């Protein structure tokens, strides 16, 4: 009878260790995905900033302003 209890306790410990490992793996994966999203958003902002600086320094902003004024829907 004692062996049966010992086997049940061992199996329960292995089962809970497995469940804990799965949970930790999911949390690490979620953290990795969140960090990748933050890096992508930061990269997008950097690209947008470089594009805006290029437009402002080349006189393209005037073309953009004229087109926006000329071709927007009048209220």
PDB file of N, CA and C in Angstrom:
ATOM      1  N   UNK A   1       0.819  -1.189   0.000  1.00  0.00           N
ATOM      2  CA  UNK A   1       0.000   0.000   0.000  1.00  0.00           C
ATOM      3  C   UNK A   1       0.866   1.258   0.000  1.00  0.00           C
ATOM      4  N   UNK A   2       1.981   1.196   0.725  1.00  0.00           N
ATOM      5  CA  UNK A   2       2.870   2.343   0.805  1.00  0.00           C
ATOM      6  C   UNK A   2       3.497   2.632  -0.558  1.00  0.00           C
ATOM      7  N   UNK A   3       3.800   1.583  -1.298  1.00  0.00           N
ATOM      8  CA  UNK A   3       4.365   1.759  -2.630  1.00  0.00           C
ATOM      9  C   UNK A   3       3.359   2.436  -3.565  1.00  0.00           C
ATOM     10  N   UNK A   4       2.110   2.134  -3.418  1.00  0.00           N
ATOM     11  CA  UNK A   4       1.072   2.738  -4.235  1.00  0.00           C
ATOM     12  C   UNK A   4       0.988   4.242  -3.960  1.00  0.00           C
ATOM     13  N   UNK A   5       1.035   4.615  -2.689  1.00  0.00           N
ATOM     14  CA  UNK A   5       1.032   6.038  -2.338  1.00  0.00           C
ATOM     15  C   UNK A   5       2.268   6.751  -2.868  1.00  0.00           C
ATOM     16  N   UNK A   6       3.403   6.107  -2.723  1.00  0.00           N
ATOM     17  CA  UNK A   6       4.662   6.695  -3.202  1.00  0.00           C
ATOM     18  C   UNK A   6       4.622   6.877  -4.718  1.00  0.00           C
ATOM     19  N   UNK A   7       4.098   5.905  -5.443  1.00  0.00           N
ATOM     20  CA  UNK A   7       3.980   6.003  -6.897  1.00  0.00           C
ATOM     21  C   UNK A   7       2.994   7.113  -7.277  1.00  0.00           C
ATOM     22  N   UNK A   8       1.889   7.231  -6.551  1.00  0.00           N
ATOM     23  CA  UNK A   8       0.900   8.271  -6.841  1.00  0.00           C
ATOM     24  C   UNK A   8       1.488   9.656  -6.582  1.00  0.00           C
ATOM     25  N   UNK A   9       2.220   9.809  -5.506  1.00  0.00           N
ATOM     26  CA  UNK A   9       2.840  11.100  -5.188  1.00  0.00           C
ATOM     27  C   UNK A   9       3.888  11.448  -6.240  1.00  0.00           C
ATOM     28  N   UNK A  10       4.657  10.460  -6.664  1.00  0.00           N
ATOM     29  CA  UNK A  10       5.677  10.696  -7.690  1.00  0.00           C
ATOM     30  C   UNK A  10       5.028  11.101  -9.013  1.00  0.00           C
ATOM     31  N   UNK A  11       3.994  10.411  -9.400  1.00  0.00           N
ATOM     32  CA  UNK A  11       3.306  10.751 -10.644  1.00  0.00           C
ATOM     33  C   UNK A  11       2.664  12.146 -10.558  1.00  0.00           C
ATOM     34  N   UNK A  12       2.101  12.479  -9.406  1.00  0.00           N
ATOM     35  CA  UNK A  12       1.510  13.811  -9.232  1.00  0.00           C
ATOM     36  C   UNK A  12       2.594  14.886  -9.319  1.00  0.00           C
ATOM     37  N   UNK A  13       3.757  14.630  -8.736  1.00  0.00           N
ATOM     38  CA  UNK A  13       4.853  15.597  -8.792  1.00  0.00           C
ATOM     39  C   UNK A  13       5.331  15.790 -10.236  1.00  0.00           C
ATOM     40  N   UNK A  14       5.445  14.701 -10.974  1.00  0.00           N
ATOM     41  CA  UNK A  14       5.862  14.789 -12.384  1.00  0.00           C
ATOM     42  C   UNK A  14       4.807  15.544 -13.192  1.00  0.00           C
ATOM     43  N   UNK A  15       3.532  15.268 -12.946  1.00  0.00           N
ATOM     44  CA  UNK A  15       2.455  15.947 -13.656  1.00  0.00           C
ATOM     45  C   UNK A  15       2.479  17.449 -13.379  1.00  0.00           C
ATOM     46  N   UNK A  16       2.596  17.843 -12.115  1.00  0.00           N
ATOM     47  CA  UNK A  16       2.621  19.267 -11.783  1.00  0.00           C
ATOM     48  C   UNK A  16       3.877  19.951 -12.307  1.00  0.00           C
ATOM     49  N   UNK A  17       4.995  19.232 -12.350  1.00  0.00           N
ATOM     50  CA  UNK A  17       6.215  19.803 -12.933  1.00  0.00           C
ATOM     51  C   UNK A  17       6.021  20.039 -14.431  1.00  0.00           C
ATOM     52  N   UNK A  18       5.351  19.129 -15.095  1.00  0.00           N
ATOM     53  CA  UNK A  18       5.063  19.291 -16.526  1.00  0.00           C
ATOM     54  C   UNK A  18       4.156  20.495 -16.760  1.00  0.00           C
ATOM     55  N   UNK A  19       3.091  20.601 -15.988  1.00  0.00           N
ATOM     56  CA  UNK A  19       2.152  21.713 -16.132  1.00  0.00           C
ATOM     57  C   UNK A  19       2.868  23.043 -15.867  1.00  0.00           C
ATOM     58  N   UNK A  20       3.714  23.079 -14.858  1.00  0.00           N
ATOM     59  CA  UNK A  20       4.471  24.296 -14.544  1.00  0.00           C
ATOM     60  C   UNK A  20       5.421  24.646 -15.683  1.00  0.00           C
ATOM     61  N   UNK A  21       6.062  23.660 -16.262  1.00  0.00           N
ATOM     62  CA  UNK A  21       6.962  23.903 -17.385  1.00  0.00           C
ATOM     63  C   UNK A  21       6.241  24.461 -18.594  1.00  0.00           C
ATOM     64  N   UNK A  22       5.061  23.941 -18.870  1.00  0.00           N
ATOM     65  CA  UNK A  22       4.259  24.443 -19.991  1.00  0.00           C
ATOM     66  C   UNK A  22       3.877  25.896 -19.741  1.00  0.00           C
ATOM     67  N   UNK A  23       3.475  26.208 -18.524  1.00  0.00           N
ATOM     68  CA  UNK A  23       3.079  27.580 -18.185  1.00  0.00           C
ATOM     69  C   UNK A  23       4.264  28.541 -18.329  1.00  0.00           C
ATOM     70  N   UNK A  24       5.418  28.145 -17.819  1.00  0.00           N
ATOM     71  CA  UNK A  24       6.612  28.992 -17.917  1.00  0.00           C
ATOM     72  C   UNK A  24       6.998  29.194 -19.378  1.00  0.00           C
ATOM     73  N   UNK A  25       6.881  28.146 -20.184  1.00  0.00           N
ATOM     74  CA  UNK A  25       7.178  28.263 -21.608  1.00  0.00           C
ATOM     75  C   UNK A  25       6.250  29.247 -22.307  1.00  0.00           C
ATOM     76  N   UNK A  26       4.977  29.212 -21.971  1.00  0.00           N
ATOM     77  CA  UNK A  26       4.019  30.154 -22.575  1.00  0.00           C
ATOM     78  C   UNK A  26       4.326  31.586 -22.156  1.00  0.00           C
ATOM     79  N   UNK A  27       4.673  31.783 -20.896  1.00  0.00           N
ATOM     80  CA  UNK A  27       4.985  33.130 -20.418  1.00  0.00           C
ATOM     81  C   UNK A  27       6.231  33.670 -21.121  1.00  0.00           C
ATOM     82  N   UNK A  28       7.250  32.835 -21.262  1.00  0.00           N
ATOM     83  CA  UNK A  28       8.471  33.266 -21.958  1.00  0.00           C
ATOM     84  C   UNK A  28       8.185  33.586 -23.420  1.00  0.00           C
ATOM     85  N   UNK A  29       7.341  32.778 -24.055  1.00  0.00           N
ATOM     86  CA  UNK A  29       6.985  33.027 -25.454  1.00  0.00           C
ATOM     87  C   UNK A  29       6.233  34.345 -25.587  1.00  0.00           C
ATOM     88  N   UNK A  30       5.301  34.597 -24.682  1.00  0.00           N
ATOM     89  CA  UNK A  30       4.554  35.858 -24.715  1.00  0.00           C
ATOM     90  C   UNK A  30       5.477  37.047 -24.513  1.00  0.00           C
ATOM     91  N   UNK A  31       6.439  36.915 -23.613  1.00  0.00           N
ATOM     92  CA  UNK A  31       7.391  38.005 -23.381  1.00  0.00           C
ATOM     93  C   UNK A  31       8.249  38.237 -24.614  1.00  0.00           C
ATOM     94  N   UNK A  32       8.673  37.162 -25.265  1.00  0.00           N
ATOM     95  CA  UNK A  32       9.465  37.289 -26.479  1.00  0.00           C
ATOM     96  C   UNK A  32       8.691  37.983 -27.597  1.00  0.00           C
ATOM     97  N   UNK A  33       7.434  37.622 -27.750  1.00  0.00           N
ATOM     98  CA  UNK A  33       6.587  38.232 -28.777  1.00  0.00           C
ATOM     99  C   UNK A  33       6.364  39.712 -28.464  1.00  0.00           C
ATOM    100  N   UNK A  34       6.141  40.036 -27.200  1.00  0.00           N
ATOM    101  CA  UNK A  34       5.941  41.436 -26.815  1.00  0.00           C
ATOM    102  C   UNK A  34       7.191  42.257 -27.099  1.00  0.00           C
ATOM    103  N   UNK A  35       8.360  41.714 -26.801  1.00  0.00           N
ATOM    104  CA  UNK A  35       9.609  42.426 -27.091  1.00  0.00           C
ATOM    105  C   UNK A  35       9.813  42.606 -28.585  1.00  0.00           C
ATOM    106  N   UNK A  36       9.462  41.602 -29.367  1.00  0.00           N
ATOM    107  CA  UNK A  36       9.590  41.722 -30.819  1.00  0.00           C
ATOM    108  C   UNK A  36       8.644  42.806 -31.352  1.00  0.00           C
ATOM    109  N   UNK A  37       7.442  42.887 -30.792  1.00  0.00           N
ATOM    110  CA  UNK A  37       6.504  43.928 -31.215  1.00  0.00           C
ATOM    111  C   UNK A  37       7.019  45.316 -30.870  1.00  0.00           C
ATOM    112  N   UNK A  38       7.602  45.463 -29.693  1.00  0.00           N
ATOM    113  CA  UNK A  38       8.157  46.757 -29.285  1.00  0.00           C
ATOM    114  C   UNK A  38       9.299  47.152 -30.215  1.00  0.00           C
ATOM    115  N   UNK A  39      10.157  46.207 -30.551  1.00  0.00           N
ATOM    116  CA  UNK A  39      11.262  46.500 -31.465  1.00  0.00           C
ATOM    117  C   UNK A  39      10.744  46.900 -32.847  1.00  0.00           C
ATOM    118  N   UNK A  40       9.702  46.233 -33.321  1.00  0.00           N
ATOM    119  CA  UNK A  40       9.132  46.562 -34.629  1.00  0.00           C
ATOM    120  C   UNK A  40       8.513  47.954 -34.626  1.00  0.00           C
ATOM    121  N   UNK A  41       7.787  48.285 -33.568  1.00  0.00           N
ATOM    122  CA  UNK A  41       7.176  49.617 -33.475  1.00  0.00           C
ATOM    123  C   UNK A  41       8.257  50.689 -33.403  1.00  0.00           C
ATOM    124  N   UNK A  42       9.311  50.435 -32.635  1.00  0.00           N
ATOM    125  CA  UNK A  42      10.422  51.386 -32.543  1.00  0.00           C
ATOM    126  C   UNK A  42      11.074  51.569 -33.901  1.00  0.00           C
ATOM    127  N   UNK A  43      11.259  50.486 -34.626  1.00  0.00           N
ATOM    128  CA  UNK A  43      11.848  50.553 -35.962  1.00  0.00           C
ATOM    129  C   UNK A  43      10.947  51.351 -36.909  1.00  0.00           C
ATOM    130  N   UNK A  44       9.632  51.140 -36.813  1.00  0.00           N
ATOM    131  CA  UNK A  44       8.702  51.891 -37.660  1.00  0.00           C
ATOM    132  C   UNK A  44       8.779  53.382 -37.373  1.00  0.00           C
ATOM    133  N   UNK A  45       8.850  53.757 -36.093  1.00  0.00           N
ATOM    134  CA  UNK A  45       8.973  55.172 -35.737  1.00  0.00           C
ATOM    135  C   UNK A  45      10.270  55.760 -36.274  1.00  0.00           C
ATOM    136  N   UNK A  46      11.338  54.976 -36.201  1.00  0.00           N
ATOM    137  CA  UNK A  46      12.625  55.460 -36.691  1.00  0.00           C
ATOM    138  C   UNK A  46      12.569  55.697 -38.201  1.00  0.00           C
ATOM    139  N   UNK A  47      11.975  54.767 -38.932  1.00  0.00           N
ATOM    140  CA  UNK A  47      11.845  54.918 -40.382  1.00  0.00           C
ATOM    141  C   UNK A  47      10.974  56.126 -40.709  1.00  0.00           C
ATOM    142  N   UNK A  48       9.868  56.297 -39.970  1.00  0.00           N
ATOM    143  CA  UNK A  48       8.970  57.434 -40.199  1.00  0.00           C
ATOM    144  C   UNK A  48       9.696  58.755 -39.930  1.00  0.00           C
ATOM    145  N   UNK A  49      10.480  58.798 -38.856  1.00  0.00           N
ATOM    146  CA  UNK A  49      11.210  60.018 -38.522  1.00  0.00           C
ATOM    147  C   UNK A  49      12.225  60.362 -39.606  1.00  0.00           C
ATOM    148  N   UNK A  50      12.941  59.363 -40.101  1.00  0.00           N
ATOM    149  CA  UNK A  50      13.924  59.598 -41.162  1.00  0.00           C
ATOM    150  C   UNK A  50      13.228  60.088 -42.428  1.00  0.00           C
ATOM    151  N   UNK A  51      12.096  59.483 -42.759  1.00  0.00           N
ATOM    152  CA  UNK A  51      11.350  59.916 -43.951  1.00  0.00           C
ATOM    153  C   UNK A  51      10.855  61.345 -43.789  1.00  0.00           C
ATOM    154  N   UNK A  52      10.344  61.686 -42.611  1.00  0.00           N
ATOM    155  CA  UNK A  52       9.854  63.048 -42.381  1.00  0.00           C
ATOM    156  C   UNK A  52      10.993  64.058 -42.437  1.00  0.00           C
ATOM    157  N   UNK A  53      12.154  63.719 -41.869  1.00  0.00           N
ATOM    158  CA  UNK A  53      13.295  64.624 -41.926  1.00  0.00           C
ATOM    159  C   UNK A  53      13.738  64.842 -43.370  1.00  0.00           C
ATOM    160  N   UNK A  54      13.740  63.778 -44.154  1.00  0.00           N
ATOM    161  CA  UNK A  54      14.136  63.882 -45.556  1.00  0.00           C
ATOM    162  C   UNK A  54      13.166  64.785 -46.313  1.00  0.00           C
ATOM    163  N   UNK A  55      11.881  64.618 -46.083  1.00  0.00           N
ATOM    164  CA  UNK A  55      10.883  65.438 -46.775  1.00  0.00           C
ATOM    165  C   UNK A  55      11.013  66.900 -46.361  1.00  0.00           C
ATOM    166  N   UNK A  56      11.207  67.157 -45.082  1.00  0.00           N
ATOM    167  CA  UNK A  56      11.277  68.538 -44.611  1.00  0.00           C
ATOM    168  C   UNK A  56      12.536  69.248 -45.107  1.00  0.00           C
ATOM    169  N   UNK A  57      13.635  68.525 -45.264  1.00  0.00           N
ATOM    170  CA  UNK A  57      14.889  69.153 -45.661  1.00  0.00           C
ATOM    171  C   UNK A  57      15.053  69.271 -47.180  1.00  0.00           C
ATOM    172  N   UNK A  58      14.188  68.633 -47.936  1.00  0.00           N
ATOM    173  CA  UNK A  58      14.324  68.693 -49.394  1.00  0.00           C
ATOM    174  C   UNK A  58      13.274  69.579 -50.044  1.00  0.00           C
ATOM    175  N   UNK A  59      12.437  70.219 -49.279  1.00  0.00           N
ATOM    176  CA  UNK A  59      11.398  71.061 -49.849  1.00  0.00           C
ATOM    177  C   UNK A  59      10.181  70.268 -50.262  1.00  0.00           C
ATOM    178  N   UNK A  60      10.167  69.008 -49.987  1.00  0.00           N
ATOM    179  CA  UNK A  60       9.015  68.177 -50.331  1.00  0.00           C
ATOM    180  C   UNK A  60       7.815  68.508 -49.485  1.00  0.00           C
ATOM    181  N   UNK A  61       8.040  69.131 -48.332  1.00  0.00           N
ATOM    182  CA  UNK A  61       6.908  69.465 -47.483  1.00  0.00           C
ATOM    183  C   UNK A  61       6.001  70.484 -48.157  1.00  0.00           C
ATOM    184  N   UNK A  62       6.589  71.378 -48.962  1.00  0.00           N
ATOM    185  CA  UNK A  62       5.785  72.364 -49.666  1.00  0.00           C
ATOM    186  C   UNK A  62       4.894  71.684 -50.700  1.00  0.00           C
ATOM    187  N   UNK A  63       5.418  70.704 -51.396  1.00  0.00           N
ATOM    188  CA  UNK A  63       4.640  69.951 -52.375  1.00  0.00           C
ATOM    189  C   UNK A  63       3.517  69.207 -51.663  1.00  0.00           C
ATOM    190  N   UNK A  64       3.831  68.595 -50.543  1.00  0.00           N
ATOM    191  CA  UNK A  64       2.810  67.884 -49.786  1.00  0.00           C
ATOM    192  C   UNK A  64       1.718  68.835 -49.319  1.00  0.00           C
ATOM    193  N   UNK A  65       2.102  70.027 -48.836  1.00  0.00           N
ATOM    194  CA  UNK A  65       1.127  71.003 -48.356  1.00  0.00           C
ATOM    195  C   UNK A  65       0.218  71.459 -49.492  1.00  0.00           C
ATOM    196  N   UNK A  66       0.817  71.754 -50.643  1.00  0.00           N
ATOM    197  CA  UNK A  66       0.024  72.214 -51.793  1.00  0.00           C
ATOM    198  C   UNK A  66      -0.954  71.135 -52.246  1.00  0.00           C
ATOM    199  N   UNK A  67      -0.479  69.915 -52.352  1.00  0.00           N
ATOM    200  CA  UNK A  67      -1.366  68.822 -52.770  1.00  0.00           C
ATOM    201  C   UNK A  67      -2.475  68.591 -51.754  1.00  0.00           C
ATOM    202  N   UNK A  68      -2.145  68.698 -50.477  1.00  0.00           N
ATOM    203  CA  UNK A  68      -3.154  68.491 -49.447  1.00  0.00           C
ATOM    204  C   UNK A  68      -4.211  69.593 -49.505  1.00  0.00           C
ATOM    205  N   UNK A  69      -3.793  70.834 -49.697  1.00  0.00           N
ATOM    206  CA  UNK A  69      -4.744  71.941 -49.777  1.00  0.00           C
ATOM    207  C   UNK A  69      -5.594  71.862 -51.045  1.00  0.00           C
ATOM    208  N   UNK A  70      -4.986  71.455 -52.128  1.00  0.00           N
ATOM    209  CA  UNK A  70      -5.670  71.461 -53.410  1.00  0.00           C
ATOM    210  C   UNK A  70      -6.638  70.289 -53.578  1.00  0.00           C
ATOM    211  N   UNK A  71      -6.292  69.124 -53.041  1.00  0.00           N
ATOM    212  CA  UNK A  71      -7.067  67.925 -53.330  1.00  0.00           C
ATOM    213  C   UNK A  71      -7.800  67.337 -52.130  1.00  0.00           C
ATOM    214  N   UNK A  72      -7.951  68.091 -51.056  1.00  0.00           N
ATOM    215  CA  UNK A  72      -8.759  67.579 -49.959  1.00  0.00           C
ATOM    216  C   UNK A  72     -10.211  67.972 -50.183  1.00  0.00           C
ATOM    217  N   UNK A  73     -11.087  67.271 -49.517  1.00  0.00           N
ATOM    218  CA  UNK A  73     -12.524  67.544 -49.660  1.00  0.00           C
ATOM    219  C   UNK A  73     -12.839  68.813 -48.892  1.00  0.00           C
ATOM    220  N   UNK A  74     -13.454  69.774 -49.587  1.00  0.00           N
ATOM    221  CA  UNK A  74     -13.814  71.042 -48.959  1.00  0.00           C
ATOM    222  C   UNK A  74     -15.006  70.833 -48.035  1.00  0.00           C
ATOM    223  N   UNK A  75     -15.015  71.558 -46.938  1.00  0.00           N
ATOM    224  CA  UNK A  75     -16.107  71.428 -45.978  1.00  0.00           C
ATOM    225  C   UNK A  75     -17.260  72.335 -46.358  1.00  0.00           C
TER     226      UNK A  75
END
